[in-house]
Amino acid sequence: MSVSINPKLEASWLAVLEEEFKQPYFIEIKKFLLAEKEAGKEIYPPGPLIFNAFNLTPFDKVKVVILGQDPYHGPGQAMGLSFSVPRTVRKPRSLANIYKELLADVNVPIPKHGDLSKWAGQGVLLLNAMLTVEHKKAGSHRKIGWQKFTDGVIKQLSDRKSGIVFMLWGNFAKGKRGLIDESKHLVLTAVHPSPLAGDKFLGNKNFSQANTYLQEQGQEAIDWNVD
């Protein structure tokens, strides 16, 4: 039986990742997702948005990586970009904390919506370590192979490019630090913006630090305003 979740991937990413899609572990991911769909399970994000982060932020344009864990698991929330939700969806509390830090750090007014596509269009890769999740079951696809794929993505970015800012928020994201060559990239860390951490995310100044570094590398700073 043919199994296909192959994306129409942006050309520069396809050149980098084409061989990954042929690997046995990735074939198993496709089989798993198809079986879940046939069993009537609700999987997020919708198929066309699974690789949204890659399509909105070409490999050749990546300047910043913000690493999340897995997609939001509520109806209509996940859009294939870490921490981002469609404009019509209520802002999650983690994103609300990110916005508080934006205001304090770089004086960006708190947006009325949670769509971070504008960041993606400027070279901010909003990457989740797991690209899918089952309805109302956080972390449910943690062991199906996605981390092998996204670890490879991080390694390719580290090896093939220079001058990228990697933002690792929370212990899970910090665990990916070993994949990054810090002699040619900047790694910024903070506690996770989840409300479970209270206000500990606030004051990290990752956004201003990222822009300072990019400008020192001769790159254009990110406009963190999403409106």
N, C-alpha and C. Protein backbone atom coordinates (compact mmCIF):
# COMPACT_ATOMS: atom_id res chain seq x y z
N MET A 1 0.85 -1.19 0.00
CA MET A 1 0.00 0.00 0.00
C MET A 1 0.88 1.24 0.00
N SER A 2 0.57 2.17 -0.84
CA SER A 2 1.34 3.41 -0.92
C SER A 2 0.96 4.33 0.24
N VAL A 3 1.98 4.90 0.85
CA VAL A 3 1.78 5.84 1.94
C VAL A 3 2.43 7.16 1.53
N SER A 4 1.69 8.23 1.59
CA SER A 4 2.25 9.50 1.13
C SER A 4 1.83 10.66 2.02
N ILE A 5 2.81 11.25 2.69
CA ILE A 5 2.61 12.57 3.29
C ILE A 5 3.70 13.49 2.75
N ASN A 6 4.26 13.10 1.59
CA ASN A 6 5.36 13.88 1.03
C ASN A 6 4.90 15.30 0.78
N PRO A 7 5.65 16.26 1.33
CA PRO A 7 5.27 17.65 1.13
C PRO A 7 5.76 18.18 -0.21
N LYS A 8 5.09 19.21 -0.68
CA LYS A 8 5.67 19.99 -1.76
C LYS A 8 6.61 20.98 -1.09
N LEU A 9 7.81 20.52 -0.87
CA LEU A 9 8.74 21.26 -0.02
C LEU A 9 9.46 22.34 -0.81
N GLU A 10 9.69 23.47 -0.13
CA GLU A 10 10.46 24.57 -0.71
C GLU A 10 11.79 24.03 -1.22
N ALA A 11 12.24 24.57 -2.35
CA ALA A 11 13.34 23.96 -3.12
C ALA A 11 14.63 23.83 -2.33
N SER A 12 15.03 24.86 -1.59
CA SER A 12 16.32 24.78 -0.89
C SER A 12 16.28 23.73 0.22
N TRP A 13 15.13 23.59 0.89
CA TRP A 13 15.00 22.54 1.91
C TRP A 13 14.96 21.16 1.26
N LEU A 14 14.30 21.04 0.14
CA LEU A 14 14.22 19.74 -0.55
C LEU A 14 15.62 19.26 -0.92
N ALA A 15 16.46 20.17 -1.36
CA ALA A 15 17.83 19.80 -1.72
C ALA A 15 18.60 19.27 -0.51
N VAL A 16 18.31 19.82 0.66
CA VAL A 16 19.00 19.42 1.88
C VAL A 16 18.43 18.13 2.46
N LEU A 17 17.11 17.96 2.38
CA LEU A 17 16.42 16.90 3.12
C LEU A 17 15.91 15.75 2.25
N GLU A 18 16.11 15.82 0.97
CA GLU A 18 15.53 14.82 0.06
C GLU A 18 15.89 13.39 0.47
N GLU A 19 17.13 13.18 0.87
CA GLU A 19 17.54 11.83 1.24
C GLU A 19 16.87 11.36 2.53
N GLU A 20 16.54 12.30 3.43
CA GLU A 20 15.88 11.92 4.68
C GLU A 20 14.51 11.29 4.42
N PHE A 21 13.82 11.81 3.41
CA PHE A 21 12.48 11.30 3.11
C PHE A 21 12.51 9.86 2.61
N LYS A 22 13.68 9.38 2.22
CA LYS A 22 13.81 8.01 1.70
C LYS A 22 14.27 7.03 2.78
N GLN A 23 14.61 7.55 3.96
CA GLN A 23 15.15 6.70 5.01
C GLN A 23 14.06 5.83 5.64
N PRO A 24 14.43 4.62 6.10
CA PRO A 24 13.43 3.72 6.69
C PRO A 24 12.64 4.35 7.83
N TYR A 25 13.28 5.13 8.70
CA TYR A 25 12.56 5.72 9.83
C TYR A 25 11.48 6.68 9.35
N PHE A 26 11.75 7.40 8.24
CA PHE A 26 10.76 8.35 7.76
C PHE A 26 9.60 7.62 7.09
N ILE A 27 9.88 6.54 6.43
CA ILE A 27 8.81 5.72 5.86
C ILE A 27 7.90 5.20 6.97
N GLU A 28 8.50 4.86 8.12
CA GLU A 28 7.71 4.40 9.26
C GLU A 28 6.84 5.53 9.83
N ILE A 29 7.36 6.76 9.84
CA ILE A 29 6.54 7.89 10.27
C ILE A 29 5.31 8.00 9.39
N LYS A 30 5.50 7.91 8.10
CA LYS A 30 4.37 8.02 7.16
C LYS A 30 3.35 6.90 7.39
N LYS A 31 3.84 5.70 7.59
CA LYS A 31 2.93 4.58 7.83
C LYS A 31 2.14 4.79 9.12
N PHE A 32 2.81 5.26 10.15
CA PHE A 32 2.14 5.50 11.43
C PHE A 32 1.04 6.53 11.28
N LEU A 33 1.35 7.64 10.62
CA LEU A 33 0.35 8.70 10.47
C LEU A 33 -0.84 8.25 9.64
N LEU A 34 -0.58 7.49 8.61
CA LEU A 34 -1.68 6.97 7.79
C LEU A 34 -2.57 6.02 8.60
N ALA A 35 -1.93 5.16 9.40
CA ALA A 35 -2.70 4.23 10.23
C ALA A 35 -3.55 4.98 11.25
N GLU A 36 -2.99 6.03 11.85
CA GLU A 36 -3.74 6.83 12.80
C GLU A 36 -4.94 7.49 12.13
N LYS A 37 -4.72 8.00 10.94
CA LYS A 37 -5.81 8.65 10.20
C LYS A 37 -6.90 7.64 9.86
N GLU A 38 -6.50 6.46 9.42
CA GLU A 38 -7.47 5.42 9.06
C GLU A 38 -8.23 4.93 10.28
N ALA A 39 -7.61 5.05 11.47
CA ALA A 39 -8.28 4.65 12.72
C ALA A 39 -9.21 5.73 13.23
N GLY A 40 -9.29 6.84 12.51
CA GLY A 40 -10.21 7.91 12.88
C GLY A 40 -9.66 8.89 13.90
N LYS A 41 -8.37 8.86 14.14
CA LYS A 41 -7.79 9.78 15.12
C LYS A 41 -7.54 11.15 14.48
N GLU A 42 -7.70 12.18 15.31
CA GLU A 42 -7.49 13.55 14.85
C GLU A 42 -6.03 13.93 15.10
N ILE A 43 -5.34 14.27 14.01
CA ILE A 43 -3.92 14.60 14.09
C ILE A 43 -3.72 16.06 13.72
N TYR A 44 -2.88 16.75 14.47
CA TYR A 44 -2.58 18.16 14.21
C TYR A 44 -1.09 18.33 13.91
N PRO A 45 -0.74 19.31 13.07
CA PRO A 45 -1.61 20.16 12.26
C PRO A 45 -2.15 19.39 11.06
N PRO A 46 -3.04 19.99 10.27
CA PRO A 46 -3.51 19.34 9.05
C PRO A 46 -2.33 19.01 8.13
N GLY A 47 -2.47 17.95 7.37
CA GLY A 47 -1.40 17.47 6.51
C GLY A 47 -0.66 18.55 5.72
N PRO A 48 -1.36 19.45 5.04
CA PRO A 48 -0.66 20.47 4.26
C PRO A 48 0.20 21.43 5.09
N LEU A 49 -0.01 21.45 6.42
CA LEU A 49 0.74 22.39 7.27
C LEU A 49 1.86 21.71 8.07
N ILE A 50 2.03 20.41 7.91
CA ILE A 50 3.04 19.71 8.71
C ILE A 50 4.43 20.31 8.48
N PHE A 51 4.71 20.68 7.24
CA PHE A 51 6.03 21.23 6.90
C PHE A 51 5.97 22.74 6.65
N ASN A 52 5.01 23.40 7.27
CA ASN A 52 4.79 24.83 7.06
C ASN A 52 6.03 25.66 7.42
N ALA A 53 6.71 25.29 8.50
CA ALA A 53 7.89 26.05 8.93
C ALA A 53 8.95 26.07 7.83
N PHE A 54 9.12 24.96 7.15
CA PHE A 54 10.12 24.87 6.10
C PHE A 54 9.71 25.67 4.86
N ASN A 55 8.44 25.61 4.55
CA ASN A 55 7.97 26.30 3.34
C ASN A 55 7.95 27.82 3.50
N LEU A 56 7.74 28.29 4.73
CA LEU A 56 7.72 29.74 4.96
C LEU A 56 9.11 30.31 5.19
N THR A 57 10.06 29.46 5.58
CA THR A 57 11.42 29.92 5.87
C THR A 57 12.42 29.04 5.13
N PRO A 58 12.78 29.40 3.91
CA PRO A 58 13.71 28.59 3.13
C PRO A 58 15.04 28.38 3.85
N PHE A 59 15.67 27.25 3.59
CA PHE A 59 16.97 26.94 4.19
C PHE A 59 17.96 28.07 3.95
N ASP A 60 17.96 28.60 2.75
CA ASP A 60 18.92 29.65 2.38
C ASP A 60 18.70 30.94 3.15
N LYS A 61 17.51 31.10 3.77
CA LYS A 61 17.16 32.37 4.43
C LYS A 61 17.18 32.29 5.95
N VAL A 62 17.45 31.11 6.53
CA VAL A 62 17.34 30.95 7.98
C VAL A 62 18.38 31.81 8.70
N LYS A 63 17.91 32.64 9.62
CA LYS A 63 18.79 33.48 10.45
C LYS A 63 18.62 33.17 11.94
N VAL A 64 17.42 32.73 12.32
CA VAL A 64 17.10 32.43 13.72
C VAL A 64 16.31 31.13 13.74
N VAL A 65 16.55 30.30 14.74
CA VAL A 65 15.74 29.09 14.96
C VAL A 65 15.15 29.19 16.37
N ILE A 66 13.82 29.11 16.46
CA ILE A 66 13.15 29.03 17.76
C ILE A 66 12.55 27.64 17.87
N LEU A 67 13.08 26.84 18.79
CA LEU A 67 12.73 25.42 18.87
C LEU A 67 11.63 25.18 19.89
N GLY A 68 10.55 24.59 19.43
CA GLY A 68 9.48 24.14 20.31
C GLY A 68 9.51 22.63 20.45
N GLN A 69 8.58 22.10 21.24
CA GLN A 69 8.57 20.66 21.49
C GLN A 69 7.64 19.94 20.53
N ASP A 70 6.34 20.10 20.69
CA ASP A 70 5.42 19.51 19.71
C ASP A 70 4.28 20.49 19.48
N PRO A 71 3.46 20.25 18.45
CA PRO A 71 2.41 21.21 18.11
C PRO A 71 1.36 21.33 19.22
N TYR A 72 0.65 22.44 19.22
CA TYR A 72 -0.51 22.57 20.10
C TYR A 72 -1.49 21.45 19.76
N HIS A 73 -2.15 20.92 20.79
CA HIS A 73 -2.99 19.74 20.58
C HIS A 73 -4.48 20.03 20.69
N GLY A 74 -4.87 21.31 20.62
CA GLY A 74 -6.28 21.66 20.61
C GLY A 74 -6.77 21.93 19.20
N PRO A 75 -8.07 21.82 18.95
CA PRO A 75 -8.62 22.03 17.60
C PRO A 75 -8.28 23.41 17.05
N GLY A 76 -7.78 23.44 15.84
CA GLY A 76 -7.55 24.69 15.14
C GLY A 76 -6.32 25.47 15.57
N GLN A 77 -5.56 24.97 16.53
CA GLN A 77 -4.41 25.73 17.04
C GLN A 77 -3.15 25.54 16.20
N ALA A 78 -2.78 24.30 15.93
CA ALA A 78 -1.49 24.02 15.29
C ALA A 78 -1.49 24.47 13.83
N MET A 79 -0.42 25.16 13.45
CA MET A 79 -0.28 25.63 12.07
C MET A 79 1.11 25.35 11.51
N GLY A 80 1.85 24.43 12.17
CA GLY A 80 3.15 24.03 11.66
C GLY A 80 4.28 24.96 12.00
N LEU A 81 4.04 25.94 12.88
CA LEU A 81 5.05 26.88 13.33
C LEU A 81 5.10 26.84 14.86
N SER A 82 6.27 26.64 15.43
CA SER A 82 6.35 26.55 16.89
C SER A 82 5.84 27.82 17.55
N PHE A 83 5.03 27.64 18.58
CA PHE A 83 4.45 28.70 19.41
C PHE A 83 3.38 29.54 18.70
N SER A 84 3.15 29.35 17.43
CA SER A 84 2.24 30.18 16.65
C SER A 84 0.86 29.54 16.51
N VAL A 85 -0.17 30.38 16.49
CA VAL A 85 -1.54 29.93 16.22
C VAL A 85 -2.16 30.86 15.17
N PRO A 86 -3.18 30.39 14.44
CA PRO A 86 -3.85 31.25 13.48
C PRO A 86 -4.45 32.49 14.15
N ARG A 87 -4.65 33.53 13.36
CA ARG A 87 -5.14 34.80 13.89
C ARG A 87 -6.50 34.68 14.58
N THR A 88 -7.30 33.71 14.16
CA THR A 88 -8.64 33.58 14.71
C THR A 88 -8.68 32.77 16.01
N VAL A 89 -7.53 32.25 16.44
CA VAL A 89 -7.46 31.39 17.62
C VAL A 89 -6.91 32.17 18.81
N ARG A 90 -7.47 31.94 19.96
CA ARG A 90 -7.01 32.62 21.17
C ARG A 90 -5.53 32.33 21.43
N LYS A 91 -4.79 33.34 21.85
CA LYS A 91 -3.36 33.19 22.11
C LYS A 91 -3.13 32.23 23.30
N PRO A 92 -2.30 31.21 23.12
CA PRO A 92 -1.94 30.35 24.26
C PRO A 92 -1.13 31.14 25.29
N ARG A 93 -1.13 30.64 26.50
CA ARG A 93 -0.48 31.38 27.59
C ARG A 93 1.04 31.44 27.41
N SER A 94 1.63 30.41 26.81
CA SER A 94 3.06 30.46 26.54
C SER A 94 3.39 31.61 25.59
N LEU A 95 2.57 31.76 24.57
CA LEU A 95 2.80 32.84 23.61
C LEU A 95 2.56 34.20 24.26
N ALA A 96 1.60 34.27 25.16
CA ALA A 96 1.36 35.52 25.89
C ALA A 96 2.60 35.93 26.67
N ASN A 97 3.31 34.97 27.25
CA ASN A 97 4.54 35.28 27.97
C ASN A 97 5.66 35.72 27.02
N ILE A 98 5.70 35.11 25.84
CA ILE A 98 6.67 35.54 24.83
C ILE A 98 6.42 37.00 24.46
N TYR A 99 5.16 37.34 24.31
CA TYR A 99 4.80 38.72 23.95
C TYR A 99 5.17 39.70 25.07
N LYS A 100 5.01 39.28 26.32
CA LYS A 100 5.40 40.14 27.44
C LYS A 100 6.90 40.45 27.38
N GLU A 101 7.69 39.43 27.05
CA GLU A 101 9.13 39.64 26.95
C GLU A 101 9.48 40.52 25.76
N LEU A 102 8.76 40.37 24.65
CA LEU A 102 8.98 41.24 23.49
C LEU A 102 8.77 42.70 23.86
N LEU A 103 7.72 42.96 24.61
CA LEU A 103 7.43 44.33 25.02
C LEU A 103 8.54 44.88 25.91
N ALA A 104 8.95 44.07 26.88
CA ALA A 104 9.97 44.53 27.83
C ALA A 104 11.34 44.65 27.18
N ASP A 105 11.65 43.75 26.26
CA ASP A 105 13.00 43.68 25.69
C ASP A 105 13.20 44.62 24.51
N VAL A 106 12.28 44.59 23.55
CA VAL A 106 12.48 45.37 22.32
C VAL A 106 11.32 46.33 22.05
N ASN A 107 10.48 46.54 23.08
CA ASN A 107 9.40 47.53 23.01
C ASN A 107 8.42 47.28 21.87
N VAL A 108 8.14 46.01 21.60
CA VAL A 108 7.12 45.64 20.62
C VAL A 108 5.77 45.58 21.33
N PRO A 109 4.80 46.37 20.90
CA PRO A 109 3.47 46.31 21.53
C PRO A 109 2.89 44.90 21.46
N ILE A 110 2.19 44.50 22.49
CA ILE A 110 1.64 43.14 22.53
C ILE A 110 0.61 42.97 21.41
N PRO A 111 0.85 42.03 20.49
CA PRO A 111 -0.07 41.84 19.36
C PRO A 111 -1.44 41.33 19.81
N LYS A 112 -2.41 41.55 18.96
CA LYS A 112 -3.76 41.09 19.26
C LYS A 112 -4.00 39.65 18.81
N HIS A 113 -3.06 39.09 18.08
CA HIS A 113 -3.23 37.72 17.56
C HIS A 113 -1.95 36.93 17.80
N GLY A 114 -1.99 35.63 17.47
CA GLY A 114 -0.85 34.76 17.75
C GLY A 114 -0.16 34.19 16.53
N ASP A 115 -0.37 34.80 15.37
CA ASP A 115 0.21 34.29 14.13
C ASP A 115 1.61 34.87 13.94
N LEU A 116 2.62 34.01 13.97
CA LEU A 116 4.01 34.44 13.87
C LEU A 116 4.57 34.30 12.46
N SER A 117 3.69 34.22 11.47
CA SER A 117 4.15 34.04 10.09
C SER A 117 5.09 35.15 9.63
N LYS A 118 4.90 36.35 10.16
CA LYS A 118 5.77 37.46 9.75
C LYS A 118 7.22 37.19 10.16
N TRP A 119 7.40 36.57 11.32
CA TRP A 119 8.76 36.18 11.71
C TRP A 119 9.32 35.18 10.72
N ALA A 120 8.50 34.18 10.38
CA ALA A 120 8.96 33.14 9.46
C ALA A 120 9.41 33.73 8.13
N GLY A 121 8.71 34.73 7.67
CA GLY A 121 9.04 35.36 6.40
C GLY A 121 10.33 36.16 6.43
N GLN A 122 10.85 36.42 7.64
CA GLN A 122 12.10 37.16 7.78
C GLN A 122 13.30 36.25 8.08
N GLY A 123 13.07 34.95 8.08
CA GLY A 123 14.18 34.03 8.33
C GLY A 123 14.19 33.41 9.70
N VAL A 124 13.06 33.47 10.42
CA VAL A 124 12.96 32.82 11.73
C VAL A 124 12.29 31.46 11.54
N LEU A 125 13.07 30.39 11.67
CA LEU A 125 12.55 29.04 11.52
C LEU A 125 11.88 28.64 12.83
N LEU A 126 10.56 28.52 12.79
CA LEU A 126 9.77 28.17 13.97
C LEU A 126 9.56 26.66 13.96
N LEU A 127 10.54 25.96 14.51
CA LEU A 127 10.63 24.51 14.36
C LEU A 127 10.20 23.79 15.63
N ASN A 128 9.26 22.87 15.50
CA ASN A 128 8.94 21.94 16.58
C ASN A 128 9.76 20.67 16.41
N ALA A 129 10.20 20.09 17.51
CA ALA A 129 10.97 18.86 17.45
C ALA A 129 10.12 17.70 16.94
N MET A 130 8.84 17.68 17.30
CA MET A 130 7.88 16.74 16.74
C MET A 130 6.93 17.52 15.85
N LEU A 131 6.68 17.04 14.66
CA LEU A 131 5.90 17.82 13.71
C LEU A 131 4.41 17.50 13.73
N THR A 132 4.01 16.49 14.50
CA THR A 132 2.59 16.16 14.61
C THR A 132 2.27 15.76 16.05
N VAL A 133 0.95 15.75 16.35
CA VAL A 133 0.48 15.36 17.67
C VAL A 133 -0.97 14.89 17.54
N GLU A 134 -1.40 14.02 18.44
CA GLU A 134 -2.79 13.57 18.45
C GLU A 134 -3.63 14.54 19.28
N HIS A 135 -4.88 14.71 18.90
CA HIS A 135 -5.83 15.57 19.58
C HIS A 135 -5.82 15.34 21.09
N LYS A 136 -5.56 16.43 21.83
CA LYS A 136 -5.61 16.45 23.29
C LYS A 136 -4.61 15.50 23.97
N LYS A 137 -3.54 15.12 23.24
CA LYS A 137 -2.55 14.22 23.83
C LYS A 137 -1.14 14.79 23.59
N ALA A 138 -0.75 15.72 24.44
CA ALA A 138 0.56 16.34 24.31
C ALA A 138 1.67 15.29 24.33
N GLY A 139 2.63 15.44 23.42
CA GLY A 139 3.76 14.52 23.37
C GLY A 139 3.46 13.16 22.81
N SER A 140 2.27 12.97 22.24
CA SER A 140 1.85 11.64 21.80
C SER A 140 2.67 11.10 20.64
N HIS A 141 3.33 11.95 19.87
CA HIS A 141 4.13 11.48 18.74
C HIS A 141 5.63 11.66 19.00
N ARG A 142 5.97 11.67 20.26
CA ARG A 142 7.37 11.93 20.64
C ARG A 142 8.30 10.80 20.20
N LYS A 143 7.77 9.60 20.09
CA LYS A 143 8.64 8.43 19.83
C LYS A 143 8.42 7.80 18.46
N ILE A 144 7.83 8.51 17.53
CA ILE A 144 7.56 7.89 16.22
C ILE A 144 8.64 8.19 15.19
N GLY A 145 9.65 8.96 15.56
CA GLY A 145 10.75 9.22 14.63
C GLY A 145 10.98 10.67 14.26
N TRP A 146 10.06 11.54 14.67
CA TRP A 146 10.21 12.95 14.28
C TRP A 146 11.50 13.56 14.82
N GLN A 147 11.91 13.17 16.03
CA GLN A 147 13.12 13.79 16.59
C GLN A 147 14.36 13.43 15.78
N LYS A 148 14.39 12.26 15.22
CA LYS A 148 15.51 11.90 14.34
C LYS A 148 15.55 12.85 13.15
N PHE A 149 14.38 13.13 12.61
CA PHE A 149 14.28 14.04 11.46
C PHE A 149 14.68 15.46 11.84
N THR A 150 14.10 16.00 12.91
CA THR A 150 14.37 17.40 13.26
C THR A 150 15.76 17.59 13.87
N ASP A 151 16.29 16.56 14.53
CA ASP A 151 17.70 16.64 14.96
C ASP A 151 18.60 16.79 13.74
N GLY A 152 18.24 16.06 12.67
CA GLY A 152 18.99 16.17 11.43
C GLY A 152 18.88 17.55 10.82
N VAL A 153 17.70 18.15 10.92
CA VAL A 153 17.51 19.51 10.42
C VAL A 153 18.43 20.48 11.16
N ILE A 154 18.45 20.39 12.48
CA ILE A 154 19.30 21.27 13.28
C ILE A 154 20.77 21.07 12.92
N LYS A 155 21.18 19.81 12.76
CA LYS A 155 22.57 19.50 12.43
C LYS A 155 22.93 20.04 11.05
N GLN A 156 22.03 19.93 10.09
CA GLN A 156 22.30 20.45 8.74
C GLN A 156 22.46 21.96 8.78
N LEU A 157 21.61 22.63 9.53
CA LEU A 157 21.73 24.08 9.66
C LEU A 157 23.07 24.45 10.30
N SER A 158 23.43 23.73 11.36
CA SER A 158 24.68 24.02 12.05
C SER A 158 25.89 23.78 11.15
N ASP A 159 25.87 22.67 10.42
CA ASP A 159 27.03 22.28 9.62
C ASP A 159 27.19 23.13 8.35
N ARG A 160 26.07 23.43 7.70
CA ARG A 160 26.13 24.04 6.37
C ARG A 160 26.10 25.57 6.40
N LYS A 161 25.66 26.14 7.51
CA LYS A 161 25.52 27.59 7.58
C LYS A 161 26.35 28.15 8.73
N SER A 162 26.41 29.46 8.82
CA SER A 162 27.07 30.12 9.95
C SER A 162 26.27 31.36 10.32
N GLY A 163 26.46 31.82 11.55
CA GLY A 163 25.80 33.05 11.98
C GLY A 163 24.33 32.93 12.30
N ILE A 164 23.86 31.72 12.64
CA ILE A 164 22.46 31.52 13.02
C ILE A 164 22.32 31.69 14.53
N VAL A 165 21.20 32.28 14.95
CA VAL A 165 20.86 32.36 16.37
C VAL A 165 19.88 31.23 16.69
N PHE A 166 20.24 30.37 17.62
CA PHE A 166 19.37 29.29 18.07
C PHE A 166 18.82 29.67 19.44
N MET A 167 17.50 29.79 19.55
CA MET A 167 16.85 30.07 20.83
C MET A 167 16.29 28.76 21.40
N LEU A 168 16.84 28.35 22.53
CA LEU A 168 16.45 27.10 23.17
C LEU A 168 15.80 27.42 24.50
N TRP A 169 14.49 27.22 24.56
CA TRP A 169 13.72 27.60 25.74
C TRP A 169 13.21 26.36 26.45
N GLY A 170 13.62 26.18 27.68
CA GLY A 170 13.20 25.02 28.46
C GLY A 170 14.19 23.88 28.34
N ASN A 171 14.11 22.93 29.25
CA ASN A 171 15.09 21.84 29.32
C ASN A 171 15.07 20.96 28.08
N PHE A 172 13.89 20.73 27.52
CA PHE A 172 13.83 19.88 26.33
C PHE A 172 14.64 20.51 25.20
N ALA A 173 14.40 21.78 24.91
CA ALA A 173 15.11 22.47 23.83
C ALA A 173 16.61 22.56 24.14
N LYS A 174 16.95 22.82 25.39
CA LYS A 174 18.36 22.91 25.75
C LYS A 174 19.09 21.59 25.51
N GLY A 175 18.33 20.50 25.54
CA GLY A 175 18.93 19.19 25.27
C GLY A 175 19.43 19.02 23.85
N LYS A 176 19.05 19.94 22.97
CA LYS A 176 19.50 19.89 21.57
C LYS A 176 20.79 20.69 21.35
N ARG A 177 21.30 21.28 22.41
CA ARG A 177 22.47 22.17 22.27
C ARG A 177 23.67 21.45 21.66
N GLY A 178 23.83 20.18 21.97
CA GLY A 178 24.96 19.42 21.47
C GLY A 178 24.99 19.24 19.97
N LEU A 179 23.87 19.52 19.30
CA LEU A 179 23.81 19.40 17.84
C LEU A 179 24.36 20.64 17.14
N ILE A 180 24.64 21.69 17.90
CA ILE A 180 24.97 23.00 17.33
C ILE A 180 26.44 23.32 17.54
N ASP A 181 27.11 23.74 16.49
CA ASP A 181 28.50 24.18 16.56
C ASP A 181 28.53 25.63 17.04
N GLU A 182 28.83 25.82 18.33
CA GLU A 182 28.78 27.16 18.91
C GLU A 182 29.99 28.02 18.54
N SER A 183 30.93 27.45 17.79
CA SER A 183 32.04 28.27 17.32
C SER A 183 31.62 29.15 16.14
N LYS A 184 30.47 28.82 15.53
CA LYS A 184 30.01 29.62 14.38
C LYS A 184 28.54 30.01 14.44
N HIS A 185 27.90 29.72 15.56
CA HIS A 185 26.50 30.12 15.77
C HIS A 185 26.35 30.64 17.20
N LEU A 186 25.26 31.36 17.44
CA LEU A 186 24.95 31.84 18.79
C LEU A 186 23.79 31.02 19.36
N VAL A 187 23.99 30.47 20.56
CA VAL A 187 22.92 29.76 21.26
C VAL A 187 22.45 30.61 22.44
N LEU A 188 21.16 30.92 22.45
CA LEU A 188 20.54 31.65 23.55
C LEU A 188 19.58 30.72 24.28
N THR A 189 19.63 30.72 25.60
CA THR A 189 18.75 29.83 26.36
C THR A 189 17.91 30.63 27.35
N ALA A 190 16.80 30.04 27.72
CA ALA A 190 15.91 30.62 28.73
C ALA A 190 15.03 29.50 29.26
N VAL A 191 14.35 29.75 30.37
CA VAL A 191 13.34 28.79 30.82
C VAL A 191 12.21 28.80 29.80
N HIS A 192 11.39 27.78 29.83
CA HIS A 192 10.27 27.71 28.89
C HIS A 192 9.26 28.81 29.21
N PRO A 193 8.64 29.41 28.18
CA PRO A 193 7.65 30.46 28.44
C PRO A 193 6.34 29.98 29.02
N SER A 194 6.21 28.70 29.27
CA SER A 194 4.99 28.16 29.86
C SER A 194 4.64 28.87 31.17
N PRO A 195 3.36 29.10 31.42
CA PRO A 195 2.95 29.69 32.71
C PRO A 195 3.35 28.83 33.90
N LEU A 196 3.64 27.55 33.68
CA LEU A 196 4.07 26.68 34.77
C LEU A 196 5.39 27.15 35.37
N ALA A 197 6.15 27.94 34.58
CA ALA A 197 7.43 28.47 35.06
C ALA A 197 7.26 29.84 35.71
N GLY A 198 6.03 30.28 35.87
CA GLY A 198 5.80 31.60 36.45
C GLY A 198 6.32 32.69 35.53
N ASP A 199 7.04 33.64 36.12
CA ASP A 199 7.60 34.75 35.34
C ASP A 199 9.08 34.56 35.02
N LYS A 200 9.59 33.33 35.14
CA LYS A 200 11.03 33.12 34.98
C LYS A 200 11.51 33.31 33.54
N PHE A 201 10.59 33.25 32.58
CA PHE A 201 10.98 33.49 31.18
C PHE A 201 11.30 34.96 30.96
N LEU A 202 10.64 35.81 31.72
CA LEU A 202 10.77 37.25 31.52
C LEU A 202 12.15 37.76 31.92
N GLY A 203 12.67 38.68 31.13
CA GLY A 203 13.98 39.25 31.41
C GLY A 203 15.14 38.57 30.72
N ASN A 204 14.86 37.59 29.83
CA ASN A 204 15.96 36.87 29.19
C ASN A 204 16.65 37.68 28.07
N LYS A 205 15.92 38.66 27.51
CA LYS A 205 16.46 39.54 26.48
C LYS A 205 16.99 38.81 25.24
N ASN A 206 16.40 37.66 24.95
CA ASN A 206 16.85 36.89 23.79
C ASN A 206 16.63 37.63 22.47
N PHE A 207 15.56 38.42 22.40
CA PHE A 207 15.22 39.06 21.13
C PHE A 207 16.21 40.18 20.78
N SER A 208 16.56 40.98 21.75
CA SER A 208 17.55 42.03 21.49
C SER A 208 18.93 41.43 21.28
N GLN A 209 19.26 40.39 22.03
CA GLN A 209 20.56 39.74 21.87
C GLN A 209 20.69 39.13 20.47
N ALA A 210 19.60 38.55 19.99
CA ALA A 210 19.62 37.98 18.64
C ALA A 210 19.89 39.05 17.60
N ASN A 211 19.21 40.17 17.71
CA ASN A 211 19.39 41.23 16.72
C ASN A 211 20.79 41.84 16.77
N THR A 212 21.32 41.99 17.97
CA THR A 212 22.68 42.51 18.10
C THR A 212 23.66 41.58 17.38
N TYR A 213 23.51 40.29 17.61
CA TYR A 213 24.39 39.30 16.97
C TYR A 213 24.24 39.31 15.45
N LEU A 214 23.01 39.33 14.96
CA LEU A 214 22.79 39.33 13.51
C LEU A 214 23.45 40.55 12.87
N GLN A 215 23.29 41.69 13.49
CA GLN A 215 23.88 42.90 12.93
C GLN A 215 25.40 42.84 12.98
N GLU A 216 25.95 42.24 14.02
CA GLU A 216 27.41 42.06 14.09
C GLU A 216 27.91 41.14 12.99
N GLN A 217 27.02 40.23 12.53
CA GLN A 217 27.37 39.32 11.44
C GLN A 217 27.10 39.93 10.06
N GLY A 218 26.66 41.18 10.06
CA GLY A 218 26.37 41.84 8.79
C GLY A 218 25.01 41.50 8.22
N GLN A 219 24.12 40.96 9.06
CA GLN A 219 22.78 40.60 8.62
C GLN A 219 21.76 41.62 9.14
N GLU A 220 20.62 41.64 8.49
CA GLU A 220 19.56 42.55 8.90
C GLU A 220 18.88 42.02 10.16
N ALA A 221 18.58 42.90 11.08
CA ALA A 221 17.88 42.52 12.31
C ALA A 221 16.46 42.07 12.00
N ILE A 222 15.88 41.29 12.90
CA ILE A 222 14.49 40.85 12.77
C ILE A 222 13.56 41.93 13.30
N ASP A 223 12.51 42.23 12.57
CA ASP A 223 11.43 43.07 13.07
C ASP A 223 10.49 42.15 13.83
N TRP A 224 10.52 42.21 15.15
CA TRP A 224 9.76 41.26 15.97
C TRP A 224 8.28 41.60 16.06
N ASN A 225 7.85 42.70 15.49
CA ASN A 225 6.43 43.05 15.48
C ASN A 225 5.70 42.16 14.48
N VAL A 226 4.66 41.46 14.92
CA VAL A 226 3.96 40.53 14.02
C VAL A 226 2.72 41.16 13.39
N ASP A 227 2.34 42.36 13.79
CA ASP A 227 1.15 43.02 13.24
C ASP A 227 1.47 43.66 11.89
